[in-house]
Amino acid sequence: MIMLYYPKGKVPVKYNIVTDPPEALYWETYQLKKSDIKILTKLDRTSAAKMRDEILNDILKTEKTDVPKKPAPRRVTTKR
């Protein structure tokens, strides 16, 4: 699936996410890496690396990472 990233004040960048194995994209425990992001728009090497980093940071920032924790069970103590 081809996706678009709109950097501020720049031309949109086409990219794709390719994981190994492919189904890892849907795993909750998989941590996305910069090497999983493939830039499809023609950019020079340094610009592509910066854009890959910017896309990864944007994905991680907007991704839901805070999973609510279950409250700890209450301990009832009786003193005699």
C-alpha atoms as a PDB file:
ATOM      1  CA  MET A   1       0.000   0.000   0.000  1.00  0.00           C
ATOM      2  CA  ILE A   2       1.464   3.352  -1.045  1.00  0.00           C
ATOM      3  CA  MET A   3       1.164   6.103   1.561  1.00  0.00           C
ATOM      4  CA  LEU A   4       1.807   9.838   1.423  1.00  0.00           C
ATOM      5  CA  TYR A   5       3.623  11.980   3.966  1.00  0.00           C
ATOM      6  CA  TYR A   6       3.110  15.745   3.832  1.00  0.00           C
ATOM      7  CA  PRO A   7       6.131  17.513   5.362  1.00  0.00           C
ATOM      8  CA  LYS A   8       5.580  21.154   6.266  1.00  0.00           C
ATOM      9  CA  GLY A   9       6.160  23.408   3.275  1.00  0.00           C
ATOM     10  CA  LYS A  10       7.518  20.626   1.040  1.00  0.00           C
ATOM     11  CA  VAL A  11       6.316  18.339  -1.734  1.00  0.00           C
ATOM     12  CA  PRO A  12       4.428  15.198  -0.546  1.00  0.00           C
ATOM     13  CA  VAL A  13       6.585  12.076  -0.254  1.00  0.00           C
ATOM     14  CA  LYS A  14       5.359   8.616  -1.285  1.00  0.00           C
ATOM     15  CA  TYR A  15       6.473   5.742   0.921  1.00  0.00           C
ATOM     16  CA  ASN A  16       5.676   2.155   1.753  1.00  0.00           C
ATOM     17  CA  ILE A  17       6.176   0.062   4.876  1.00  0.00           C
ATOM     18  CA  VAL A  18       7.791  -3.320   4.250  1.00  0.00           C
ATOM     19  CA  THR A  19       8.289  -5.615   7.239  1.00  0.00           C
ATOM     20  CA  ASP A  20       9.841  -9.060   7.446  1.00  0.00           C
ATOM     21  CA  PRO A  21       7.644 -11.102   7.841  1.00  0.00           C
ATOM     22  CA  PRO A  22       4.897  -9.078   6.107  1.00  0.00           C
ATOM     23  CA  GLU A  23       2.282  -9.859   8.766  1.00  0.00           C
ATOM     24  CA  ALA A  24       4.478  -8.183  11.396  1.00  0.00           C
ATOM     25  CA  LEU A  25       2.906  -4.904  10.306  1.00  0.00           C
ATOM     26  CA  TYR A  26      -0.259  -5.967  12.150  1.00  0.00           C
ATOM     27  CA  TRP A  27       1.387  -7.252  15.340  1.00  0.00           C
ATOM     28  CA  GLU A  28       0.939  -5.136  18.453  1.00  0.00           C
ATOM     29  CA  THR A  29       4.384  -6.058  19.765  1.00  0.00           C
ATOM     30  CA  TYR A  30       6.363  -5.308  16.578  1.00  0.00           C
ATOM     31  CA  GLN A  31       8.595  -2.266  16.848  1.00  0.00           C
ATOM     32  CA  LEU A  32       8.809  -0.405  13.553  1.00  0.00           C
ATOM     33  CA  LYS A  33      12.343   0.373  12.348  1.00  0.00           C
ATOM     34  CA  LYS A  34      13.680   2.984   9.946  1.00  0.00           C
ATOM     35  CA  SER A  35      14.740   0.205   7.590  1.00  0.00           C
ATOM     36  CA  ASP A  36      11.073  -0.886   7.263  1.00  0.00           C
ATOM     37  CA  ILE A  37      10.169   2.435   5.599  1.00  0.00           C
ATOM     38  CA  LYS A  38      10.834   2.499   1.849  1.00  0.00           C
ATOM     39  CA  ILE A  39      10.768   5.946   0.195  1.00  0.00           C
ATOM     40  CA  LEU A  40       9.234   5.743  -3.302  1.00  0.00           C
ATOM     41  CA  THR A  41       9.694   9.416  -4.216  1.00  0.00           C
ATOM     42  CA  LYS A  42      13.033  10.165  -5.874  1.00  0.00           C
ATOM     43  CA  LEU A  43      15.283  11.820  -3.246  1.00  0.00           C
ATOM     44  CA  ASP A  44      19.030  11.965  -2.758  1.00  0.00           C
ATOM     45  CA  ARG A  45      20.467   9.671  -0.113  1.00  0.00           C
ATOM     46  CA  THR A  46      20.753  12.181   2.745  1.00  0.00           C
ATOM     47  CA  SER A  47      17.289  13.658   2.119  1.00  0.00           C
ATOM     48  CA  ALA A  48      15.778  10.170   2.002  1.00  0.00           C
ATOM     49  CA  ALA A  49      17.422   9.276   5.329  1.00  0.00           C
ATOM     50  CA  LYS A  50      16.115  12.461   6.969  1.00  0.00           C
ATOM     51  CA  MET A  51      12.643  11.872   5.530  1.00  0.00           C
ATOM     52  CA  ARG A  52      12.646   8.244   6.716  1.00  0.00           C
ATOM     53  CA  ASP A  53      13.539   9.431  10.222  1.00  0.00           C
ATOM     54  CA  GLU A  54      10.834  12.119  10.120  1.00  0.00           C
ATOM     55  CA  ILE A  55       8.189   9.626   8.961  1.00  0.00           C
ATOM     56  CA  LEU A  56       9.158   7.107  11.651  1.00  0.00           C
ATOM     57  CA  ASN A  57       8.999   9.772  14.381  1.00  0.00           C
ATOM     58  CA  ASP A  58       5.589  10.912  13.126  1.00  0.00           C
ATOM     59  CA  ILE A  59       4.243   7.339  13.107  1.00  0.00           C
ATOM     60  CA  LEU A  60       5.542   6.614  16.595  1.00  0.00           C
ATOM     61  CA  LYS A  61       4.190   9.924  17.920  1.00  0.00           C
ATOM     62  CA  THR A  62       0.677   9.327  16.604  1.00  0.00           C
ATOM     63  CA  GLU A  63       0.567   5.620  17.409  1.00  0.00           C
ATOM     64  CA  LYS A  64      -1.338   4.607  20.527  1.00  0.00           C
ATOM     65  CA  THR A  65       1.377   3.398  22.876  1.00  0.00           C
ATOM     66  CA  ASP A  66      -0.235   3.911  26.276  1.00  0.00           C
ATOM     67  CA  VAL A  67      -2.134   0.779  27.187  1.00  0.00           C
ATOM     68  CA  PRO A  68      -4.214   1.267  30.322  1.00  0.00           C
ATOM     69  CA  LYS A  69      -3.004  -0.911  33.157  1.00  0.00           C
ATOM     70  CA  LYS A  70      -5.291  -2.912  35.366  1.00  0.00           C
ATOM     71  CA  PRO A  71      -5.494  -1.487  38.863  1.00  0.00           C
ATOM     72  CA  ALA A  72      -3.640  -3.469  41.494  1.00  0.00           C
ATOM     73  CA  PRO A  73      -5.873  -5.596  43.687  1.00  0.00           C
ATOM     74  CA  ARG A  74      -6.630  -4.058  47.057  1.00  0.00           C
ATOM     75  CA  ARG A  75      -5.240  -5.848  50.051  1.00  0.00           C
ATOM     76  CA  VAL A  76      -7.446  -5.973  53.061  1.00  0.00           C
ATOM     77  CA  THR A  77      -5.575  -6.173  56.322  1.00  0.00           C
ATOM     78  CA  THR A  78      -7.128  -6.583  59.714  1.00  0.00           C
ATOM     79  CA  LYS A  79      -5.241  -5.692  62.836  1.00  0.00           C
ATOM     80  CA  ARG A  80      -6.067  -7.389  66.104  1.00  0.00           C
END
